[in-house]
Amino acid sequence: MATTCNATTVTNKQVILRDYVTGFPKESDLIFTDSTIDLKIPEGSKTVLVKNLYLSCDPYMRIRMGIPDPGTAALAPPYIPGEPIYGFSVSKVIDSGHPDYKKGDLLWGLVGWGEYSLITPDFSHYKIQHTDVPLSYYTGLLGMPGMTAYAGFYEICSPKKGETVFVSAASGAVGQLVGQFAKIMGCYVVGSAGSNEKVDLLKNKFGFDDAFNYKEEKDLNVALKRCFPEGIDIYFENVGGKMLDAVLLNMKLHGRIAVCGMISQYNLEDQEGVHNLANVIYKRIRIQGFVVSDYFDKHLKFLDFVLPYIREGKITYVEDIVEGLENGPSALLGLFHGKNVGKQLILVAPE
């Protein structure tokens, strides 16, 4: 909880990147610190001061912690050591010099990790119009992960009724939605996850036709052949490495792979190679990587699609909520050890 320093200035707890990270990040790489912030926007400024209610923990944030290189910079700018890390949030406007936002408005978008953030609204910030659903959903189901699932599945994979769909990291923020979107389309859907608890969630809560714990499979190729005896039409890729290698052996002719993430590779200094790429030629497989910001122009179309399913109870969403900004670093780093069950987010302040 922020404390008052004077009439308009308060303390502002923040999470700072200590230095660029190689290998698996540690909690000591992220510093929990106090700063101050003015609650009034200067006259003539078009910035917006927000109080952060929820902060989103997402795997891509690990990429931004690393030493800058041209490849990762194409995804998002690297974090700057000594400054707050950035991520998606649900926030409430405290003061605004921007014509599109007024005090009391709710928004979701990119902010610095702190109790308060000063932002300059751009294409990554959206005013929240629908408050009949949980606000936390705008860090996940109705925010960046939801848009990621929607764009990757519908815009890139062009699914058809009756097709076979495989989703890796299927119980996470994106995967759980891809599976449910595929079931809505009338597809046969299988997911992989890293614990039996998550496998049970996939089959009994999210409606996947089948699921397996990849940690208990001696041979991923055999596991996929068991689940897809006739092959895979669509693979929604969240993992990379050995899983991608096994999938390439099991794709059907003209299969489609949407490459959303490769969480198995983010913490490796020497990333694993892929050995079965010749199958892309033999089977005429289309592989496409994508970044969700390329599809933000479809946000209203996405809301029109997904909100009725939420209101009718036809889409469900599991969240893993940690309370307190001070617990943010451990929650974020837990993603890379499979500790979260569902969408990982931080409750910073009560709504």
Protein backbone atom coordinates (compact mmCIF):
# COMPACT_ATOMS: atom_id res chain seq x y z
CA MET A 1 0.00 0.00 0.00
CA ALA A 2 1.40 3.38 -1.03
CA THR A 3 1.93 5.96 1.71
CA THR A 4 1.54 9.71 1.35
CA CYS A 5 4.66 11.92 1.23
CA ASN A 6 2.84 15.25 0.73
CA ALA A 7 -0.43 16.49 -0.78
CA THR A 8 0.18 14.99 -4.24
CA THR A 9 3.23 12.75 -3.87
CA VAL A 10 3.12 9.14 -2.64
CA THR A 11 5.62 6.32 -2.31
CA ASN A 12 5.48 3.87 -5.18
CA LYS A 13 6.81 0.35 -4.78
CA GLN A 14 8.32 -1.00 -8.02
CA VAL A 15 10.04 -4.10 -9.41
CA ILE A 16 13.37 -3.24 -11.06
CA LEU A 17 15.65 -5.35 -13.27
CA ARG A 18 19.05 -5.57 -11.58
CA ASP A 19 21.02 -6.50 -14.71
CA TYR A 20 20.68 -8.48 -17.94
CA VAL A 21 19.99 -12.17 -17.30
CA THR A 22 21.60 -15.27 -18.77
CA GLY A 23 20.34 -18.76 -17.99
CA PHE A 24 17.46 -19.24 -15.58
CA PRO A 25 16.48 -15.95 -13.90
CA LYS A 26 16.65 -15.75 -10.11
CA GLU A 27 14.61 -13.64 -7.71
CA SER A 28 17.78 -11.66 -6.98
CA ASP A 29 17.70 -10.47 -10.61
CA LEU A 30 14.59 -8.46 -9.74
CA ILE A 31 14.75 -5.77 -7.06
CA PHE A 32 11.72 -4.69 -5.03
CA THR A 33 12.23 -1.02 -4.28
CA ASP A 34 10.52 2.23 -3.21
CA SER A 35 10.29 5.39 -5.29
CA THR A 36 7.93 8.36 -5.26
CA ILE A 37 5.37 9.53 -7.79
CA ASP A 38 3.25 12.67 -8.18
CA LEU A 39 -0.47 11.96 -8.34
CA LYS A 40 -1.13 15.03 -10.50
CA ILE A 41 -0.33 15.15 -14.21
CA PRO A 42 1.58 18.33 -15.21
CA GLU A 43 -0.44 20.94 -17.10
CA GLY A 44 -0.29 20.33 -20.85
CA SER A 45 0.94 16.72 -20.59
CA LYS A 46 -0.95 13.98 -22.45
CA THR A 47 0.24 11.25 -20.12
CA VAL A 48 -2.02 9.18 -17.87
CA LEU A 49 -1.32 8.18 -14.25
CA VAL A 50 -2.77 4.79 -13.34
CA LYS A 51 -3.06 2.70 -10.21
CA ASN A 52 -2.31 -0.92 -11.09
CA LEU A 53 -4.87 -3.43 -9.86
CA TYR A 54 -3.57 -6.60 -11.54
CA LEU A 55 -0.25 -7.37 -13.21
CA SER A 56 0.18 -10.18 -15.72
CA CYS A 57 3.05 -12.70 -15.62
CA ASP A 58 3.90 -13.93 -19.11
CA PRO A 59 6.71 -16.12 -20.50
CA TYR A 60 7.78 -13.57 -23.14
CA MET A 61 8.95 -11.30 -20.32
CA ARG A 62 11.96 -13.58 -19.88
CA ILE A 63 13.11 -12.68 -23.40
CA ARG A 64 13.07 -8.99 -22.48
CA MET A 65 15.38 -9.65 -19.50
CA GLY A 66 18.17 -10.93 -21.73
CA ILE A 67 21.13 -9.18 -23.33
CA PRO A 68 19.74 -7.23 -26.32
CA ASP A 69 20.14 -8.79 -29.75
CA PRO A 70 18.46 -8.08 -33.13
CA GLY A 71 16.33 -11.22 -32.98
CA THR A 72 14.67 -10.61 -29.62
CA ALA A 73 14.40 -6.86 -30.30
CA ALA A 74 12.00 -7.72 -33.14
CA LEU A 75 9.62 -9.10 -30.49
CA ALA A 76 9.82 -6.28 -27.95
CA PRO A 77 12.43 -3.84 -26.64
CA PRO A 78 14.65 -5.28 -23.90
CA TYR A 79 14.18 -4.15 -20.33
CA ILE A 80 16.69 -1.59 -19.09
CA PRO A 81 18.73 -2.53 -16.01
CA GLY A 82 17.93 -0.21 -13.12
CA GLU A 83 14.42 0.51 -14.41
CA PRO A 84 11.04 -1.19 -13.82
CA ILE A 85 10.17 -4.23 -15.90
CA TYR A 86 7.10 -3.83 -18.11
CA GLY A 87 4.10 -6.08 -18.54
CA PHE A 88 0.37 -6.10 -19.17
CA SER A 89 -1.95 -4.90 -16.44
CA VAL A 90 -5.45 -3.93 -15.45
CA SER A 91 -5.27 -0.38 -14.12
CA LYS A 92 -7.46 2.48 -12.91
CA VAL A 93 -6.90 6.06 -14.05
CA ILE A 94 -5.95 8.40 -11.19
CA ASP A 95 -5.30 11.51 -13.31
CA SER A 96 -5.14 12.15 -17.03
CA GLY A 97 -3.96 14.75 -19.49
CA HIS A 98 -5.03 12.55 -22.41
CA PRO A 99 -8.34 13.32 -24.14
CA ASP A 100 -9.33 9.63 -24.37
CA TYR A 101 -9.01 8.91 -20.64
CA LYS A 102 -10.53 10.46 -17.53
CA LYS A 103 -10.20 9.81 -13.81
CA GLY A 104 -11.89 6.56 -12.80
CA ASP A 105 -11.57 4.89 -16.21
CA LEU A 106 -10.34 1.30 -16.29
CA LEU A 107 -7.84 0.15 -18.89
CA TRP A 108 -5.60 -2.76 -19.79
CA GLY A 109 -2.23 -2.50 -21.47
CA LEU A 110 1.51 -2.24 -20.93
CA VAL A 111 2.75 -0.57 -17.74
CA GLY A 112 5.87 -0.55 -15.59
CA TRP A 113 5.64 -2.94 -12.67
CA GLY A 114 4.72 -0.78 -9.70
CA GLU A 115 1.81 0.29 -7.56
CA TYR A 116 1.41 3.28 -9.88
CA SER A 117 2.56 3.84 -13.45
CA LEU A 118 2.78 6.87 -15.71
CA ILE A 119 1.90 5.90 -19.29
CA THR A 120 1.58 7.52 -22.68
CA PRO A 121 -1.39 5.67 -24.22
CA ASP A 122 -0.72 3.95 -27.55
CA PHE A 123 -1.96 0.92 -29.52
CA SER A 124 -1.16 -1.35 -26.55
CA HIS A 125 -3.65 0.36 -24.20
CA TYR A 126 -7.40 -0.28 -24.26
CA LYS A 127 -10.21 1.23 -22.24
CA ILE A 128 -12.25 -1.46 -20.49
CA GLN A 129 -15.89 -1.15 -21.53
CA HIS A 130 -17.29 -4.48 -20.30
CA THR A 131 -17.26 -4.78 -16.51
CA ASP A 132 -19.86 -7.57 -16.16
CA VAL A 133 -16.96 -10.05 -16.29
CA PRO A 134 -14.09 -10.28 -13.78
CA LEU A 135 -11.60 -7.44 -14.26
CA SER A 136 -8.74 -9.91 -13.85
CA TYR A 137 -9.80 -11.50 -17.16
CA TYR A 138 -8.26 -8.50 -18.94
CA THR A 139 -4.81 -9.81 -17.97
CA GLY A 140 -5.68 -13.10 -19.66
CA LEU A 141 -8.86 -14.26 -21.34
CA LEU A 142 -9.89 -10.79 -22.55
CA GLY A 143 -6.37 -9.35 -22.81
CA MET A 144 -3.09 -10.21 -24.47
CA PRO A 145 -3.22 -14.03 -23.94
CA GLY A 146 -6.79 -14.22 -25.22
CA MET A 147 -5.88 -12.18 -28.28
CA THR A 148 -2.85 -14.46 -28.79
CA ALA A 149 -4.98 -17.60 -28.73
CA TYR A 150 -7.55 -16.04 -31.07
CA ALA A 151 -5.04 -14.71 -33.61
CA GLY A 152 -2.86 -17.81 -33.64
CA PHE A 153 -5.71 -20.27 -33.95
CA TYR A 154 -8.16 -18.49 -36.24
CA GLU A 155 -6.01 -16.09 -38.24
CA ILE A 156 -2.96 -18.32 -38.77
CA CYS A 157 -4.22 -21.90 -38.54
CA SER A 158 -7.54 -21.43 -40.42
CA PRO A 159 -9.18 -24.37 -38.62
CA LYS A 160 -11.94 -26.53 -40.08
CA LYS A 161 -14.53 -28.66 -38.32
CA GLY A 162 -13.29 -32.18 -37.66
CA GLU A 163 -9.57 -31.39 -37.81
CA THR A 164 -7.10 -32.67 -35.23
CA VAL A 165 -5.43 -30.09 -33.00
CA PHE A 166 -2.48 -30.45 -30.61
CA VAL A 167 -1.64 -27.75 -28.03
CA SER A 168 1.55 -27.80 -25.96
CA ALA A 169 1.72 -26.04 -22.57
CA ALA A 170 -2.03 -26.46 -22.85
CA SER A 171 -3.05 -25.48 -19.32
CA GLY A 172 -1.36 -22.07 -19.47
CA ALA A 173 -2.84 -18.66 -20.13
CA VAL A 174 -3.00 -19.17 -23.92
CA GLY A 175 -3.19 -22.94 -24.31
CA GLN A 176 -6.36 -23.41 -22.26
CA LEU A 177 -8.14 -21.01 -24.62
CA VAL A 178 -6.80 -22.50 -27.84
CA GLY A 179 -8.19 -25.86 -26.78
CA GLN A 180 -11.61 -24.42 -26.01
CA PHE A 181 -11.70 -22.44 -29.26
CA ALA A 182 -10.86 -25.65 -31.12
CA LYS A 183 -13.68 -27.55 -29.40
CA ILE A 184 -16.10 -24.75 -30.35
CA MET A 185 -14.98 -25.32 -33.96
CA GLY A 186 -15.76 -29.03 -33.67
CA CYS A 187 -12.13 -30.17 -33.70
CA TYR A 188 -10.51 -33.11 -31.92
CA VAL A 189 -8.14 -31.60 -29.35
CA VAL A 190 -5.25 -33.01 -27.31
CA GLY A 191 -3.02 -31.05 -24.94
CA SER A 192 0.25 -31.66 -23.14
CA ALA A 193 1.11 -30.33 -19.70
CA GLY A 194 3.72 -30.87 -16.98
CA SER A 195 1.72 -32.46 -14.15
CA ASN A 196 -1.15 -34.87 -13.63
CA GLU A 197 -3.14 -32.09 -11.97
CA LYS A 198 -2.88 -30.03 -15.15
CA VAL A 199 -3.78 -33.02 -17.33
CA ASP A 200 -6.91 -33.53 -15.23
CA LEU A 201 -7.75 -29.85 -15.70
CA LEU A 202 -7.44 -30.14 -19.47
CA LYS A 203 -9.74 -33.12 -19.73
CA ASN A 204 -12.30 -32.35 -17.04
CA LYS A 205 -12.55 -28.55 -16.99
CA PHE A 206 -11.46 -27.31 -20.42
CA GLY A 207 -13.04 -30.13 -22.41
CA PHE A 208 -9.95 -31.46 -24.23
CA ASP A 209 -10.57 -34.86 -25.80
CA ASP A 210 -7.31 -36.18 -24.38
CA ALA A 211 -4.15 -34.96 -22.66
CA PHE A 212 -0.83 -36.30 -21.43
CA ASN A 213 1.89 -35.40 -18.94
CA TYR A 214 4.99 -34.98 -21.09
CA LYS A 215 7.24 -35.61 -18.08
CA GLU A 216 5.88 -39.16 -17.80
CA GLU A 217 6.34 -40.01 -21.49
CA LYS A 218 9.55 -41.83 -22.38
CA ASP A 219 9.07 -41.08 -26.07
CA LEU A 220 7.08 -38.03 -27.22
CA ASN A 221 6.78 -39.43 -30.73
CA VAL A 222 5.06 -42.55 -29.35
CA ALA A 223 2.78 -40.41 -27.17
CA LEU A 224 1.67 -38.32 -30.14
CA LYS A 225 1.08 -41.40 -32.32
CA ARG A 226 -1.09 -42.82 -29.52
CA CYS A 227 -3.17 -39.63 -29.37
CA PHE A 228 -3.19 -38.93 -33.13
CA PRO A 229 -3.03 -42.25 -35.01
CA GLU A 230 -3.93 -40.46 -38.26
CA GLY A 231 -1.77 -37.40 -37.61
CA ILE A 232 -2.07 -33.74 -36.57
CA ASP A 233 -3.68 -31.02 -38.71
CA ILE A 234 -2.89 -28.08 -36.43
CA TYR A 235 -0.18 -27.64 -33.82
CA PHE A 236 -0.25 -24.61 -31.53
CA GLU A 237 3.38 -24.33 -30.48
CA ASN A 238 4.23 -22.99 -27.03
CA VAL A 239 7.23 -25.14 -26.09
CA GLY A 240 9.77 -25.86 -28.86
CA GLY A 241 12.71 -28.25 -28.54
CA LYS A 242 12.00 -31.97 -28.33
CA MET A 243 8.24 -31.46 -28.49
CA LEU A 244 8.46 -29.65 -31.83
CA ASP A 245 10.75 -32.39 -33.16
CA ALA A 246 8.19 -35.06 -32.25
CA VAL A 247 5.29 -33.06 -33.66
CA LEU A 248 6.98 -32.69 -37.07
CA LEU A 249 7.03 -36.50 -37.36
CA ASN A 250 3.28 -36.60 -36.71
CA MET A 251 1.91 -33.77 -38.83
CA LYS A 252 -0.51 -34.51 -41.64
CA LEU A 253 -0.07 -33.32 -45.23
CA HIS A 254 -0.66 -29.56 -45.43
CA GLY A 255 -0.61 -29.25 -41.65
CA ARG A 256 -0.31 -25.82 -40.01
CA ILE A 257 1.87 -24.83 -37.06
CA ALA A 258 1.32 -21.49 -35.28
CA VAL A 259 4.51 -20.70 -33.36
CA CYS A 260 3.42 -18.69 -30.33
CA GLY A 261 6.27 -19.42 -27.93
CA MET A 262 9.17 -21.72 -27.09
CA ILE A 263 9.31 -21.66 -23.31
CA SER A 264 11.67 -24.66 -23.16
CA GLN A 265 14.35 -22.57 -24.88
CA TYR A 266 14.16 -19.15 -23.21
CA ASN A 267 16.58 -19.95 -20.40
CA LEU A 268 19.13 -21.90 -22.46
CA GLU A 269 22.33 -20.15 -23.44
CA ASP A 270 22.68 -22.60 -26.35
CA GLN A 271 19.22 -23.34 -27.71
CA GLU A 272 18.36 -26.86 -28.90
CA GLY A 273 18.29 -27.58 -32.60
CA VAL A 274 15.34 -29.09 -34.48
CA HIS A 275 16.20 -32.32 -36.28
CA ASN A 276 13.07 -33.25 -38.24
CA LEU A 277 12.65 -30.14 -40.38
CA ALA A 278 12.74 -32.11 -43.63
CA ASN A 279 9.15 -33.11 -42.82
CA VAL A 280 8.16 -29.52 -43.57
CA ILE A 281 9.01 -30.29 -47.21
CA TYR A 282 7.68 -33.84 -47.40
CA LYS A 283 4.35 -33.00 -45.78
CA ARG A 284 4.01 -29.41 -47.14
CA ILE A 285 3.69 -28.07 -43.60
CA ARG A 286 3.20 -24.36 -43.08
CA ILE A 287 4.97 -22.95 -40.00
CA GLN A 288 4.32 -19.35 -39.04
CA GLY A 289 5.59 -17.41 -36.07
CA PHE A 290 3.55 -14.46 -34.85
CA VAL A 291 3.47 -11.68 -32.29
CA VAL A 292 0.11 -10.71 -30.84
CA SER A 293 0.66 -6.96 -31.30
CA ASP A 294 0.42 -7.54 -35.07
CA TYR A 295 -3.24 -8.42 -34.48
CA PHE A 296 -4.30 -5.77 -31.96
CA ASP A 297 -6.42 -4.16 -34.69
CA LYS A 298 -8.76 -7.15 -34.33
CA HIS A 299 -9.40 -6.52 -30.63
CA LEU A 300 -13.04 -5.44 -31.05
CA LYS A 301 -13.73 -8.39 -33.36
CA PHE A 302 -12.20 -10.66 -30.72
CA LEU A 303 -14.41 -9.22 -27.95
CA ASP A 304 -17.52 -9.64 -30.10
CA PHE A 305 -16.55 -13.28 -30.58
CA VAL A 306 -15.54 -14.27 -27.05
CA LEU A 307 -17.80 -12.27 -24.69
CA PRO A 308 -21.01 -14.15 -25.58
CA TYR A 309 -19.29 -17.49 -24.91
CA ILE A 310 -18.10 -16.24 -21.50
CA ARG A 311 -21.55 -14.95 -20.56
CA GLU A 312 -23.16 -18.23 -21.63
CA GLY A 313 -20.64 -20.24 -19.62
CA LYS A 314 -19.27 -21.95 -22.73
CA ILE A 315 -15.70 -20.78 -22.11
CA THR A 316 -14.05 -21.18 -18.73
CA TYR A 317 -10.76 -19.72 -17.50
CA VAL A 318 -8.49 -20.77 -14.66
CA GLU A 319 -6.35 -18.14 -12.94
CA ASP A 320 -3.49 -18.49 -10.47
CA ILE A 321 -3.59 -15.25 -8.47
CA VAL A 322 -0.78 -14.19 -6.14
CA GLU A 323 -1.45 -11.29 -3.77
CA GLY A 324 1.02 -8.45 -3.31
CA LEU A 325 3.51 -6.79 -5.65
CA GLU A 326 6.34 -8.06 -3.41
CA ASN A 327 5.41 -11.60 -4.48
CA GLY A 328 5.52 -10.67 -8.16
CA PRO A 329 9.11 -11.78 -8.91
CA SER A 330 8.60 -15.29 -7.49
CA ALA A 331 5.28 -15.62 -9.36
CA LEU A 332 6.86 -14.54 -12.65
CA LEU A 333 9.87 -16.85 -12.31
CA GLY A 334 7.62 -19.73 -11.27
CA LEU A 335 6.35 -19.84 -14.87
CA PHE A 336 9.66 -21.33 -15.95
CA HIS A 337 9.39 -24.13 -13.43
CA GLY A 338 5.76 -24.99 -14.13
CA LYS A 339 4.56 -23.83 -10.71
CA ASN A 340 1.49 -21.97 -11.99
CA VAL A 341 -1.84 -23.66 -12.64
CA GLY A 342 -3.62 -21.56 -15.25
CA LYS A 343 -3.06 -17.89 -15.94
CA GLN A 344 -0.50 -16.40 -13.51
CA LEU A 345 -1.25 -12.88 -12.31
CA ILE A 346 -0.63 -10.61 -9.35
CA LEU A 347 -3.28 -8.79 -7.34
CA VAL A 348 -1.60 -5.47 -6.57
CA ALA A 349 -4.55 -3.50 -5.16
CA PRO A 350 -8.24 -4.24 -4.50
CA GLU A 351 -10.64 -3.20 -7.22
